[in-house]
C-alpha atoms as a PDB file:
ATOM      1  CA  MET A   1      39.011 -41.819 -11.492  1.00  0.00           C
ATOM      2  CA  GLU A   2      39.032 -45.092 -13.087  1.00  0.00           C
ATOM      3  CA  ILE A   3      35.867 -45.923 -11.038  1.00  0.00           C
ATOM      4  CA  ALA A   4      34.433 -42.674 -12.196  1.00  0.00           C
ATOM      5  CA  ARG A   5      34.984 -43.527 -15.914  1.00  0.00           C
ATOM      6  CA  LYS A   6      33.494 -47.110 -15.441  1.00  0.00           C
ATOM      7  CA  ILE A   7      30.346 -46.139 -13.403  1.00  0.00           C
ATOM      8  CA  PHE A   8      29.426 -42.700 -14.096  1.00  0.00           C
ATOM      9  CA  LYS A   9      30.122 -42.166 -17.852  1.00  0.00           C
ATOM     10  CA  LEU A  10      30.664 -38.540 -17.399  1.00  0.00           C
ATOM     11  CA  HIS A  11      31.945 -36.214 -20.311  1.00  0.00           C
ATOM     12  CA  SER A  12      34.914 -35.033 -18.133  1.00  0.00           C
ATOM     13  CA  PHE A  13      36.869 -36.570 -15.289  1.00  0.00           C
ATOM     14  CA  LYS A  14      38.647 -33.469 -13.902  1.00  0.00           C
ATOM     15  CA  LEU A  15      38.407 -33.488 -10.134  1.00  0.00           C
ATOM     16  CA  GLU A  16      36.613 -30.181 -10.236  1.00  0.00           C
ATOM     17  CA  TYR A  17      33.905 -31.472 -12.699  1.00  0.00           C
ATOM     18  CA  VAL A  18      33.382 -34.940 -10.725  1.00  0.00           C
ATOM     19  CA  CYS A  19      33.100 -33.164  -7.378  1.00  0.00           C
ATOM     20  CA  LYS A  20      30.394 -30.855  -8.916  1.00  0.00           C
ATOM     21  CA  TRP A  21      28.604 -33.692 -10.367  1.00  0.00           C
ATOM     22  CA  LEU A  22      28.474 -35.514  -6.993  1.00  0.00           C
ATOM     23  CA  LYS A  23      27.625 -32.191  -5.153  1.00  0.00           C
ATOM     24  CA  ILE A  24      30.904 -32.133  -3.300  1.00  0.00           C
ATOM     25  CA  ASP A  25      32.183 -28.551  -2.208  1.00  0.00           C
ATOM     26  CA  PHE A  26      35.125 -27.650  -4.276  1.00  0.00           C
ATOM     27  CA  ASN A  27      35.658 -24.132  -4.098  1.00  0.00           C
ATOM     28  CA  THR A  28      39.229 -22.897  -4.906  1.00  0.00           C
ATOM     29  CA  LYS A  29      40.206 -19.519  -6.333  1.00  0.00           C
ATOM     30  CA  VAL A  30      43.265 -21.159  -7.814  1.00  0.00           C
ATOM     31  CA  LYS A  31      42.809 -23.189 -11.105  1.00  0.00           C
ATOM     32  CA  ALA A  32      44.957 -26.139 -11.731  1.00  0.00           C
ATOM     33  CA  TYR A  33      46.460 -24.929 -14.799  1.00  0.00           C
ATOM     34  CA  THR A  34      48.056 -21.898 -12.974  1.00  0.00           C
ATOM     35  CA  ILE A  35      50.030 -24.048 -10.589  1.00  0.00           C
ATOM     36  CA  ASP A  36      53.114 -24.565 -12.774  1.00  0.00           C
ATOM     37  CA  GLU A  37      53.354 -20.545 -13.289  1.00  0.00           C
ATOM     38  CA  PHE A  38      52.997 -20.142  -9.581  1.00  0.00           C
ATOM     39  CA  TYR A  39      55.482 -22.906  -8.724  1.00  0.00           C
ATOM     40  CA  HIS A  40      58.246 -21.007 -10.882  1.00  0.00           C
ATOM     41  CA  LYS A  41      57.261 -17.873  -9.016  1.00  0.00           C
ATOM     42  CA  THR A  42      58.044 -19.234  -5.586  1.00  0.00           C
ATOM     43  CA  PHE A  43      61.852 -19.316  -6.766  1.00  0.00           C
ATOM     44  CA  SER A  44      61.683 -15.473  -6.541  1.00  0.00           C
ATOM     45  CA  GLY A  45      60.284 -15.672  -3.019  1.00  0.00           C
ATOM     46  CA  ASP A  46      56.900 -14.878  -3.709  1.00  0.00           C
ATOM     47  CA  LYS A  47      55.073 -15.881  -0.405  1.00  0.00           C
ATOM     48  CA  ASN A  48      51.692 -14.983  -1.572  1.00  0.00           C
ATOM     49  CA  VAL A  49      51.965 -17.338  -4.483  1.00  0.00           C
ATOM     50  CA  GLU A  50      53.197 -20.068  -2.254  1.00  0.00           C
ATOM     51  CA  GLU A  51      50.216 -19.544  -0.036  1.00  0.00           C
ATOM     52  CA  LYS A  52      47.762 -19.926  -2.999  1.00  0.00           C
ATOM     53  CA  ILE A  53      49.653 -23.132  -4.112  1.00  0.00           C
ATOM     54  CA  LYS A  54      49.131 -24.540  -0.503  1.00  0.00           C
ATOM     55  CA  GLU A  55      45.376 -23.426  -0.699  1.00  0.00           C
ATOM     56  CA  LYS A  56      44.863 -25.403  -3.975  1.00  0.00           C
ATOM     57  CA  CYS A  57      46.488 -28.512  -2.617  1.00  0.00           C
ATOM     58  CA  LYS A  58      44.302 -28.451   0.620  1.00  0.00           C
ATOM     59  CA  ALA A  59      41.178 -27.843  -1.363  1.00  0.00           C
ATOM     60  CA  ASP A  60      42.145 -30.817  -3.753  1.00  0.00           C
ATOM     61  CA  LEU A  61      42.828 -33.066  -0.674  1.00  0.00           C
ATOM     62  CA  MET A  62      39.538 -32.341   1.009  1.00  0.00           C
ATOM     63  CA  ALA A  63      37.708 -32.768  -2.146  1.00  0.00           C
ATOM     64  CA  LEU A  64      39.332 -36.255  -2.751  1.00  0.00           C
ATOM     65  CA  ALA A  65      38.718 -37.308   0.855  1.00  0.00           C
ATOM     66  CA  GLU A  66      34.891 -36.616   0.358  1.00  0.00           C
ATOM     67  CA  LEU A  67      34.977 -38.135  -3.322  1.00  0.00           C
ATOM     68  CA  PHE A  68      36.585 -41.320  -1.792  1.00  0.00           C
ATOM     69  CA  GLU A  69      33.896 -41.586   0.744  1.00  0.00           C
ATOM     70  CA  LYS A  70      31.112 -41.128  -1.792  1.00  0.00           C
ATOM     71  CA  MET A  71      32.575 -43.750  -4.244  1.00  0.00           C
ATOM     72  CA  LYS A  72      33.261 -46.497  -1.602  1.00  0.00           C
ATOM     73  CA  PRO A  73      30.090 -48.243  -2.478  1.00  0.00           C
ATOM     74  CA  TYR A  74      31.186 -48.841  -6.157  1.00  0.00           C
ATOM     75  CA  PHE A  75      34.661 -50.214  -5.193  1.00  0.00           C
ATOM     76  CA  ASN A  76      33.303 -53.732  -4.624  1.00  0.00           C
ATOM     77  CA  LEU A  77      31.077 -53.387  -7.758  1.00  0.00           C
ATOM     78  CA  ILE A  78      34.239 -52.591  -9.850  1.00  0.00           C
ATOM     79  CA  THR A  79      36.423 -55.338  -8.174  1.00  0.00           C
ATOM     80  CA  THR A  80      33.579 -58.055  -8.730  1.00  0.00           C
ATOM     81  CA  LYS A  81      33.306 -57.118 -12.443  1.00  0.00           C
ATOM     82  CA  ARG A  82      36.877 -56.960 -13.023  1.00  0.00           C
ATOM     83  CA  TRP A  83      37.374 -60.474 -11.621  1.00  0.00           C
ATOM     84  CA  ALA A  84      34.149 -62.004 -13.223  1.00  0.00           C
ATOM     85  CA  PHE A  85      35.286 -60.924 -16.680  1.00  0.00           C
ATOM     86  CA  SER A  86      38.857 -61.815 -16.481  1.00  0.00           C
END
């Protein structure tokens, strides 16, 4: 997200927001703030909650992969700027 901060100047750098801004599909029924609660419920053997955690992780990884591809052109720009101003 360092590149998103430097290049895009967005007001939020949450994965969900950056994906929305770059028009990357990021649909998940599970919000990030619920994961901790769900994690603790898995200790009681709740398989439904375990599946929800897996769903959230998979959605995050798919979105990150697409985000990485869309941001690749900016990597060289950041590296060049970093070295140029050092």
